[in-house]
Amino acid sequence: MADFKQMYKTVMEDHFPEQMTIQFGDQTLVYRKRAWKIPDEKTGELIEKGLRYGENPGQEAALYELVNGNLVLGRCEFIGAGKGLVSAISEEDMIQSGKHPGKINFTDVDNALNILKYMMDRPAAAIMKHNNPSGVAVGAALVDAYDKANTADRIAAFGGALVVNRPLDRATAQMVSENYLEVVAAPEYEEGTMEILKSRKNLRIVRVPRMDRLAEYRNARFVDFKSLIDGGIVVQQSSLNTIATKKDFGKATATYKGKTYVIEREPTEEEYADMIFGWAVEQGVSSNSVLFVKKGVTVGIGTGEQDRVGVAEIAAFKAYTKYADALCFRKYGIPYKTLEMEIENGRRDLAGKKEIDHQTQEARGGIKGSVMISDAFFPFRDGVDVGIKEGVTAVAHPGGSDRDFESIQACNEARPKVTMVFTGQRAFKH
C-alpha cells in the first residue's frame, strides 16, 4: 500500500506542454504554463515547480495563463489577455510557498474572488474549503470581517483558504496566525504582517495582482470548460450576477388557476442589503444550495444537494452546529465536540453544555432574523417552510416554479409576515 503521507508531500512532475493554443474558428487564444522558483522543502534550494498536483495526489496538473488573444463570439466579448488574477501570480507574489500550492489551493482563491468581486465597496473576507465558502462576511474593518467569517464556521475554516479584499493589516494577521489555514491571499500586506504570518511555516502567503481592480471583473465573461469522461468538452459562457441594487429584485407574484398571489410585506433596507450580499455569495456555492445570511455574514450554508428542502434542512443543521461551537469556543476556548467529550469523561459539568444548547435554541442557530437565499426556485413550499420555522424574515430566490404561489402563501401566512423577492435568474454552479 502507498505511503499516503508521502504522497501528499510529493510534487508531481507534469507532462503538460509549456504552451497551449485553443482555436475558436478563426480566433486563437494562447496560454503559457505557469511555474515558480520555490525553495525545496528539504534543501531550501530554489527549484522551478508548477502545481504540486491536481485534485488528488497522483494527478498531474498545470496552471495556464492567457497571454494572447481576444475572443468574441456572437455579441459576447470574453475577458482578454493581460488581466490575470490567480493565473498571473508571480514568484514575487508567492511570498511564502508553504508546502507548495496545488490545484485546489488556487481554485479556492479563484472562487473566493468570484464572490468578493461583488463586495469591493467595503472590507470583506471569504474563507473557502473544497471550492465552497465556509464563511463570508463584510465589516467596518478587515479584522472585523475576518473574525465574523471565521466565527461563522470555525470547524470548516480549519485548513481553509482565506481571501480578503483589502491589504492585510497587523490586527488581522495576528488573528489569522492563531488559526490553522493553508492559504492567505490579499491584494497587499502591510508592514509588520509578514513576521506574524510566517510564524506558520506551512502557510501559503500569496499576493493577487490586480485585486484592487476586482470590481472590473463583475461583468466580464470567461469561457467555461467542462471535460467529459469520453474526452468530449462542454463549453459555455460564464454566468453573470444581475443583482447589484435592490431595484434589480422583483416583487414575488404568481398566478395559479386564474388567481394572483402577491407577497404582502415589502423588504426593509437591511433585508435588501442582506439579499444582495447573499446572492453574491451564491455565485460561489455549489448547487443545489440554500444559505442563510444576517447582517452581512453567512449563518448557514447548504451545498451540493439533490433536493431543495433537504439542502435547506442541512443549512439549518449547520447553522445550529456552528452557532453552538462558536458559543462554546468563546466561553471555554474549546470546540463544542471537545466539551461533549469532556463531559462524557467526567471532566466538565453538564450545566455548561445545557446553557449553550439553550442559547443556541433561543437564537435558532443564528437563523432567527436572517434572510434565506436559494440558487433556484422552490418547487414546493416545504423548502421555504424550513426557513420560516427557524425565524427567517425574508426569502430571495429566482422564482419561476409552477407552484410559486405556495411559497408566497407560506410567507404571507407566517406570523410575523415574511417577505419574498425574485431574482429572475438562477445561480447554479457545478
Foldseek 3Di string as FASTA:
>chain_A
DDDQVVLVLAQDDDDDDQKDWDDDDPWIWIKGWDWAQAQDPPPGGTDIGAASAEPGRPHHDTQIATADTWDDDDNATADHHPQDWLSPFYNVQQVAQFSHHHHQQSLLQVLQLLLCLLVLVFKKKFWDDSQATQKIFTDNDNLVRVVQRCLLFVPRSAQTAMEILAADEQSNLQVVLVGHYQEYEYQHHDPPSCVSNCVNVRHGYGHIPPSNVSNVCQPHKHWDWDADPVRDIDIDIQDHQPDNFLVLWAFQWDDDPRDIFGQDDDDDPQQRVQQSSVVSSLLRAAPQKKWKDHPGMTQFIFGDDDALLVSLVNRLVSLLQSLLQSVCCVVPVDGPVVVVVCVVVVNDPCVVSVVSNVVSVVCSSVLAAIEMEGQADHQALSNVVSSLVSHYQEYEHADDHSVSNRVSVVQCPRVVHHGYIHNVHGNHDD
